[in-house]
C-alpha cells in the first residue's frame, strides 16, 4: 500500500478532491497538535446608537419587511452612506 502525504496547498478544490478519497485515520503519523488559534476574527467596534422610540419602531418595520435583523439593516445603511461619501479604504 502506497503511503500518501497530506497535500500542502491553499487550493480548496485540491484539498476537497484529496479528502473525498482519503480518511484522516490514514495520516495519524503526519498530524500535529495546534495550540494557537488558526483562524481569528478581526476585532469589531461596537457603537451605541440612541434613537427615539418611533425611530426604533420604524427600523423594526423596515428590517422585518426586508427579512433582516435590525443591526444588519442599520449597518447596511451606514455602509451605504460611507460609500456615498467615499470614506472607506
N, C-alpha and C. Protein backbone atom coordinates (compact mmCIF):
# COMPACT_ATOMS: atom_id res chain seq x y z
N UNK A 1 0.83 -1.18 0.00
CA UNK A 1 0.00 0.00 0.00
C UNK A 1 0.88 1.25 0.00
N UNK A 2 0.58 2.20 -0.88
CA UNK A 2 1.37 3.41 -1.02
C UNK A 2 1.04 4.38 0.11
N UNK A 3 2.06 4.95 0.72
CA UNK A 3 1.87 5.92 1.78
C UNK A 3 1.69 7.31 1.16
N UNK A 4 0.54 7.92 1.39
CA UNK A 4 0.25 9.25 0.87
C UNK A 4 0.66 10.31 1.88
N UNK A 5 0.93 11.49 1.39
CA UNK A 5 1.21 12.63 2.25
C UNK A 5 0.06 13.62 2.11
N UNK A 6 -0.25 14.31 3.20
CA UNK A 6 -1.27 15.35 3.15
C UNK A 6 -0.75 16.47 2.26
N UNK A 7 -1.54 16.91 1.28
CA UNK A 7 -1.04 17.96 0.38
C UNK A 7 -0.88 19.30 1.10
N UNK A 8 0.15 20.01 0.72
CA UNK A 8 0.40 21.36 1.25
C UNK A 8 -0.04 22.34 0.18
N UNK A 9 -1.30 22.78 0.28
CA UNK A 9 -1.85 23.68 -0.71
C UNK A 9 -2.93 24.55 -0.08
N UNK A 10 -3.18 25.70 -0.67
CA UNK A 10 -4.28 26.56 -0.25
C UNK A 10 -5.49 26.38 -1.14
N UNK A 11 -5.40 25.47 -2.10
CA UNK A 11 -6.49 25.24 -3.04
C UNK A 11 -7.59 24.41 -2.37
N UNK A 12 -8.74 25.02 -2.19
CA UNK A 12 -9.87 24.31 -1.58
C UNK A 12 -10.30 23.15 -2.47
N UNK A 13 -10.29 23.36 -3.78
CA UNK A 13 -10.69 22.31 -4.70
C UNK A 13 -9.77 21.10 -4.62
N UNK A 14 -8.46 21.35 -4.58
CA UNK A 14 -7.49 20.27 -4.48
C UNK A 14 -7.64 19.50 -3.17
N UNK A 15 -7.80 20.25 -2.08
CA UNK A 15 -7.98 19.61 -0.78
C UNK A 15 -9.29 18.81 -0.73
N UNK A 16 -10.34 19.35 -1.32
CA UNK A 16 -11.62 18.63 -1.34
C UNK A 16 -11.50 17.32 -2.10
N UNK A 17 -10.84 17.37 -3.27
CA UNK A 17 -10.64 16.12 -4.04
C UNK A 17 -9.83 15.11 -3.23
N UNK A 18 -8.79 15.59 -2.55
CA UNK A 18 -7.95 14.70 -1.76
C UNK A 18 -8.75 14.05 -0.64
N UNK A 19 -9.48 14.86 0.15
CA UNK A 19 -10.20 14.31 1.30
C UNK A 19 -11.44 13.53 0.90
N UNK A 20 -11.92 13.70 -0.34
CA UNK A 20 -13.02 12.87 -0.83
C UNK A 20 -12.56 11.42 -1.03
N UNK A 21 -11.26 11.23 -1.20
CA UNK A 21 -10.75 9.88 -1.48
C UNK A 21 -9.84 9.34 -0.37
N UNK A 22 -9.71 10.07 0.73
CA UNK A 22 -8.84 9.64 1.83
C UNK A 22 -9.55 9.83 3.17
N UNK A 23 -9.06 9.13 4.16
CA UNK A 23 -9.59 9.21 5.51
C UNK A 23 -8.50 9.74 6.43
N UNK A 24 -8.88 10.58 7.38
CA UNK A 24 -7.91 11.18 8.28
C UNK A 24 -7.11 10.14 9.05
N UNK A 25 -7.72 9.01 9.33
CA UNK A 25 -7.02 7.97 10.10
C UNK A 25 -5.81 7.42 9.33
N UNK A 26 -5.76 7.62 8.02
CA UNK A 26 -4.61 7.17 7.22
C UNK A 26 -3.37 8.03 7.48
N UNK A 27 -3.54 9.18 8.16
CA UNK A 27 -2.46 10.16 8.28
C UNK A 27 -2.14 10.50 9.72
N UNK A 28 -2.48 9.61 10.64
CA UNK A 28 -2.25 9.89 12.07
C UNK A 28 -0.81 10.23 12.36
N UNK A 29 0.12 9.61 11.65
CA UNK A 29 1.54 9.87 11.90
C UNK A 29 2.00 11.23 11.36
N UNK A 30 1.17 11.88 10.54
CA UNK A 30 1.51 13.19 9.98
C UNK A 30 0.81 14.35 10.70
N UNK A 31 -0.05 14.03 11.66
CA UNK A 31 -0.81 15.07 12.34
C UNK A 31 -0.02 15.66 13.49
N UNK A 32 -0.27 16.93 13.76
CA UNK A 32 0.36 17.59 14.90
C UNK A 32 -0.67 18.47 15.58
N UNK A 33 -0.55 18.57 16.89
CA UNK A 33 -1.48 19.38 17.67
C UNK A 33 -1.17 20.86 17.46
N UNK A 34 -2.20 21.63 17.26
CA UNK A 34 -2.06 23.08 17.11
C UNK A 34 -2.59 23.72 18.39
N UNK A 35 -1.73 24.47 19.07
CA UNK A 35 -2.12 25.04 20.35
C UNK A 35 -2.62 26.47 20.23
N UNK A 36 -2.26 27.16 19.17
CA UNK A 36 -2.71 28.53 18.96
C UNK A 36 -3.85 28.55 17.96
N UNK A 37 -4.73 29.55 18.05
CA UNK A 37 -5.83 29.63 17.09
C UNK A 37 -5.32 29.73 15.66
N UNK A 38 -5.97 29.04 14.76
CA UNK A 38 -5.60 29.08 13.35
C UNK A 38 -6.34 30.21 12.65
N UNK A 39 -7.61 30.37 13.00
CA UNK A 39 -8.44 31.41 12.40
C UNK A 39 -8.86 32.38 13.50
N UNK A 40 -8.64 33.65 13.27
CA UNK A 40 -9.04 34.66 14.24
C UNK A 40 -9.87 35.72 13.53
N UNK A 41 -10.94 36.14 14.19
CA UNK A 41 -11.75 37.22 13.66
C UNK A 41 -11.06 38.55 13.95
N UNK A 42 -11.18 39.45 13.01
CA UNK A 42 -10.67 40.79 13.26
C UNK A 42 -11.59 41.46 14.28
N UNK A 43 -11.02 42.23 15.16
CA UNK A 43 -11.86 42.88 16.17
C UNK A 43 -12.81 43.89 15.53
N UNK A 44 -14.01 43.95 16.09
CA UNK A 44 -15.00 44.91 15.62
C UNK A 44 -15.23 45.93 16.72
N UNK A 45 -15.66 47.08 16.35
CA UNK A 45 -16.00 48.11 17.32
C UNK A 45 -17.51 48.22 17.40
N UNK A 46 -18.02 48.29 18.60
CA UNK A 46 -19.46 48.43 18.81
C UNK A 46 -19.75 49.89 19.13
N UNK A 47 -20.76 50.43 18.48
CA UNK A 47 -21.16 51.81 18.70
C UNK A 47 -22.58 51.81 19.26
N UNK A 48 -22.79 52.55 20.32
CA UNK A 48 -24.13 52.70 20.88
C UNK A 48 -24.84 53.80 20.12
N UNK A 49 -26.08 53.54 19.74
CA UNK A 49 -26.86 54.48 18.95
C UNK A 49 -28.14 54.80 19.71
N UNK A 50 -28.38 56.06 19.96
CA UNK A 50 -29.59 56.48 20.68
C UNK A 50 -30.64 56.92 19.67
N UNK A 51 -31.80 56.26 19.71
CA UNK A 51 -32.91 56.59 18.82
C UNK A 51 -34.17 56.83 19.65
N UNK A 52 -35.05 57.64 19.12
CA UNK A 52 -36.35 57.85 19.73
C UNK A 52 -37.19 56.60 19.51
N UNK A 53 -38.17 56.33 20.41
CA UNK A 53 -38.99 55.12 20.27
C UNK A 53 -39.64 54.98 18.90
N UNK A 54 -40.12 56.06 18.32
CA UNK A 54 -40.75 55.97 17.00
C UNK A 54 -39.72 55.63 15.91
N UNK A 55 -38.48 56.06 16.12
CA UNK A 55 -37.42 55.72 15.17
C UNK A 55 -37.08 54.23 15.26
N UNK A 56 -37.03 53.71 16.48
CA UNK A 56 -36.77 52.28 16.68
C UNK A 56 -37.86 51.46 16.02
N UNK A 57 -39.11 51.88 16.19
CA UNK A 57 -40.24 51.16 15.57
C UNK A 57 -40.14 51.19 14.05
N UNK A 58 -39.72 52.32 13.50
CA UNK A 58 -39.57 52.43 12.05
C UNK A 58 -38.47 51.48 11.56
N UNK A 59 -37.36 51.41 12.29
CA UNK A 59 -36.27 50.48 11.93
C UNK A 59 -36.77 49.05 12.00
N UNK A 60 -37.52 48.71 13.05
CA UNK A 60 -38.07 47.36 13.18
C UNK A 60 -38.94 47.00 11.99
N UNK A 61 -39.81 47.91 11.59
CA UNK A 61 -40.72 47.65 10.45
C UNK A 61 -39.94 47.41 9.16
N UNK A 62 -38.96 48.27 8.90
CA UNK A 62 -38.17 48.13 7.67
C UNK A 62 -37.38 46.83 7.69
N UNK A 63 -36.78 46.52 8.83
CA UNK A 63 -35.99 45.29 8.96
C UNK A 63 -36.87 44.07 8.74
N UNK A 64 -38.06 44.06 9.35
CA UNK A 64 -38.98 42.93 9.16
C UNK A 64 -39.38 42.80 7.70
N UNK A 65 -39.68 43.92 7.06
CA UNK A 65 -40.08 43.90 5.65
C UNK A 65 -38.98 43.35 4.76
N UNK A 66 -37.73 43.63 5.12
CA UNK A 66 -36.58 43.14 4.34
C UNK A 66 -36.14 41.75 4.78
N UNK A 67 -36.65 41.28 5.93
CA UNK A 67 -36.26 39.96 6.42
C UNK A 67 -34.85 39.91 6.98
N UNK A 68 -34.42 41.01 7.59
CA UNK A 68 -33.08 41.06 8.17
C UNK A 68 -33.16 41.53 9.62
N UNK A 69 -32.09 41.34 10.35
CA UNK A 69 -32.02 41.83 11.72
C UNK A 69 -31.86 43.35 11.70
N UNK A 70 -32.33 43.98 12.76
CA UNK A 70 -32.24 45.44 12.85
C UNK A 70 -30.80 45.94 12.75
N UNK A 71 -29.90 45.29 13.46
CA UNK A 71 -28.49 45.71 13.44
C UNK A 71 -27.90 45.59 12.04
N UNK A 72 -28.27 44.52 11.33
CA UNK A 72 -27.76 44.33 9.96
C UNK A 72 -28.27 45.44 9.04
N UNK A 73 -29.52 45.83 9.23
CA UNK A 73 -30.10 46.91 8.42
C UNK A 73 -29.39 48.23 8.68
N UNK A 74 -29.19 48.54 9.96
CA UNK A 74 -28.52 49.79 10.30
C UNK A 74 -27.09 49.80 9.78
N UNK A 75 -26.40 48.66 9.88
CA UNK A 75 -25.04 48.57 9.36
C UNK A 75 -25.02 48.79 7.85
N UNK A 76 -26.01 48.20 7.16
CA UNK A 76 -26.13 48.39 5.71
C UNK A 76 -26.29 49.87 5.38
N UNK A 77 -27.14 50.56 6.12
CA UNK A 77 -27.37 51.99 5.88
C UNK A 77 -26.10 52.80 6.11
N UNK A 78 -25.38 52.50 7.18
CA UNK A 78 -24.15 53.22 7.48
C UNK A 78 -23.13 53.00 6.36
N UNK A 79 -22.98 51.75 5.92
CA UNK A 79 -22.02 51.45 4.85
C UNK A 79 -22.41 52.13 3.55
N UNK A 80 -23.71 52.21 3.26
CA UNK A 80 -24.17 52.91 2.05
C UNK A 80 -23.78 54.39 2.11
N UNK A 81 -24.00 55.01 3.26
CA UNK A 81 -23.64 56.43 3.41
C UNK A 81 -22.13 56.64 3.31
N UNK A 82 -21.36 55.76 3.92
CA UNK A 82 -19.91 55.87 3.83
C UNK A 82 -19.45 55.72 2.38
N UNK A 83 -20.06 54.81 1.67
CA UNK A 83 -19.72 54.61 0.26
C UNK A 83 -20.06 55.86 -0.54
N UNK A 84 -21.22 56.45 -0.25
CA UNK A 84 -21.63 57.69 -0.94
C UNK A 84 -20.62 58.80 -0.74
N UNK A 85 -20.00 58.82 0.43
CA UNK A 85 -19.03 59.87 0.74
C UNK A 85 -17.60 59.42 0.48
N UNK A 86 -17.43 58.20 -0.03
CA UNK A 86 -16.12 57.67 -0.40
C UNK A 86 -15.12 57.77 0.74
N UNK A 87 -15.54 57.38 1.95
CA UNK A 87 -14.63 57.46 3.09
C UNK A 87 -14.09 56.10 3.50
N UNK A 88 -14.49 55.04 2.80
CA UNK A 88 -13.96 53.72 3.13
C UNK A 88 -12.65 53.48 2.42
N UNK A 89 -11.74 52.79 3.06
CA UNK A 89 -10.44 52.47 2.43
C UNK A 89 -10.62 51.40 1.40
